């Protein structure tokens, strides 16, 4: 369970915060303020976030599993340790090829 304080948020093990569904997608906001929003995702194998865009810059960080990530006209393979930065407006999608845990960070403007 996250431990928020007046000055920081501490989550000792992000993977322990997600029970990856066998069929479906779980998303949970683990931090949000006026500058950023951080969402933890658990994808069952074969689950997909269809192509969409964001009005904010964003990053994807993969903690476990694997996914095919569409980035504009490209598709890249994500695995544990993969980091992706996306500018606003870039069409993107995520399709889990295995049970997967991913962290999405959205960067809000000033």
Protein backbone atom coordinates (compact mmCIF):
# COMPACT_ATOMS: atom_id res chain seq x y z
CA UNK A 1 0.00 0.00 0.00
CA UNK A 2 1.42 3.46 -0.89
CA UNK A 3 2.63 5.56 1.99
CA UNK A 4 1.89 9.23 1.20
CA UNK A 5 3.29 11.98 3.38
CA UNK A 6 3.29 15.74 3.12
CA UNK A 7 6.48 15.66 1.04
CA UNK A 8 6.70 12.30 -0.73
CA UNK A 9 4.96 9.10 -1.80
CA UNK A 10 6.73 5.80 -1.14
CA UNK A 11 5.69 2.54 -2.81
CA UNK A 12 8.25 -0.15 -1.93
CA UNK A 13 7.23 -2.62 -4.68
CA UNK A 14 5.15 -1.54 -7.67
CA UNK A 15 4.69 -5.13 -8.84
CA UNK A 16 3.06 -6.00 -5.52
CA UNK A 17 0.49 -3.25 -6.14
CA UNK A 18 -1.00 -5.00 -9.21
CA UNK A 19 -2.89 -8.25 -9.47
CA UNK A 20 -2.62 -8.71 -13.24
CA UNK A 21 -5.99 -9.90 -14.53
CA UNK A 22 -6.05 -13.05 -16.66
CA UNK A 23 -8.57 -11.43 -19.00
CA UNK A 24 -8.77 -7.65 -18.92
CA UNK A 25 -6.86 -4.51 -18.05
CA UNK A 26 -6.49 -3.03 -14.58
CA UNK A 27 -5.46 0.61 -14.14
CA UNK A 28 -4.87 2.44 -10.90
CA UNK A 29 -3.64 5.99 -10.33
CA UNK A 30 -0.79 5.81 -7.82
CA UNK A 31 0.10 9.52 -7.82
CA UNK A 32 -1.45 12.73 -9.09
CA UNK A 33 -0.71 16.40 -8.59
CA UNK A 34 -0.82 19.57 -10.70
CA UNK A 35 2.35 18.56 -12.62
CA UNK A 36 1.96 14.82 -13.25
CA UNK A 37 -0.28 11.79 -13.07
CA UNK A 38 1.15 8.28 -12.68
CA UNK A 39 -0.97 5.25 -13.51
CA UNK A 40 -0.08 1.61 -12.90
CA UNK A 41 -1.48 -0.83 -15.49
CA UNK A 42 -1.86 -4.59 -15.40
CA UNK A 43 -2.65 -6.26 -18.74
CA UNK A 44 -3.78 -9.83 -19.23
CA UNK A 45 -2.03 -11.56 -22.15
CA UNK A 46 -3.57 -10.44 -25.44
CA UNK A 47 -5.27 -7.37 -23.93
CA UNK A 48 -4.94 -4.08 -25.80
CA UNK A 49 -5.28 -0.34 -25.43
CA UNK A 50 -6.32 0.62 -28.96
CA UNK A 51 -4.65 3.50 -30.77
CA UNK A 52 -5.21 6.88 -29.16
CA UNK A 53 -3.38 10.15 -28.52
CA UNK A 54 -2.67 12.28 -25.47
CA UNK A 55 -2.61 16.06 -25.23
CA UNK A 56 0.31 15.75 -22.77
CA UNK A 57 3.84 14.34 -23.02
CA UNK A 58 3.95 10.85 -21.52
CA UNK A 59 6.30 8.01 -20.67
CA UNK A 60 5.75 4.26 -20.54
CA UNK A 61 7.91 2.04 -18.36
CA UNK A 62 7.50 -1.73 -18.46
CA UNK A 63 8.09 -3.62 -15.21
CA UNK A 64 7.14 -7.16 -16.25
CA UNK A 65 5.80 -9.15 -19.20
CA UNK A 66 5.95 -7.93 -22.76
CA UNK A 67 3.97 -5.87 -25.25
CA UNK A 68 3.87 -4.61 -28.80
CA UNK A 69 3.70 -0.82 -28.63
CA UNK A 70 2.51 1.17 -31.62
CA UNK A 71 4.21 4.56 -31.89
CA UNK A 72 2.97 6.47 -34.93
CA UNK A 73 3.87 4.27 -37.92
CA UNK A 74 6.32 2.14 -35.90
CA UNK A 75 5.80 -0.88 -33.65
CA UNK A 76 8.37 -1.68 -30.98
CA UNK A 77 8.61 -4.60 -28.59
CA UNK A 78 8.58 -3.75 -24.89
CA UNK A 79 9.98 -6.00 -22.16
CA UNK A 80 10.90 -5.48 -18.50
CA UNK A 81 13.13 -2.41 -18.40
CA UNK A 82 11.79 -0.79 -21.59
CA UNK A 83 11.28 3.01 -21.41
CA UNK A 84 9.36 5.05 -24.00
CA UNK A 85 8.86 8.84 -24.10
CA UNK A 86 6.04 10.17 -26.28
CA UNK A 87 5.36 13.79 -27.28
CA UNK A 88 1.79 15.13 -27.20
CA UNK A 89 -0.35 14.04 -30.14
CA UNK A 90 1.61 10.89 -31.06
CA UNK A 91 -0.81 8.07 -31.93
CA UNK A 92 0.06 5.05 -29.78
CA UNK A 93 -1.30 1.67 -28.70
CA UNK A 94 -0.27 -1.15 -26.36
CA UNK A 95 -0.98 -4.88 -26.88
CA UNK A 96 0.26 -7.22 -24.17
CA UNK A 97 1.94 -10.37 -25.49
CA UNK A 98 2.13 -11.79 -21.94
CA UNK A 99 0.74 -10.75 -18.56
CA UNK A 100 2.28 -7.28 -18.25
CA UNK A 101 2.75 -4.48 -15.72
CA UNK A 102 3.38 -0.96 -17.08
CA UNK A 103 3.70 2.50 -15.55
CA UNK A 104 2.26 5.46 -17.47
CA UNK A 105 3.38 8.98 -16.48
CA UNK A 106 1.52 11.97 -17.90
CA UNK A 107 3.25 15.34 -17.63
CA UNK A 108 0.86 18.24 -17.18
CA UNK A 109 1.77 21.75 -18.25
CA UNK A 110 2.69 24.52 -15.86
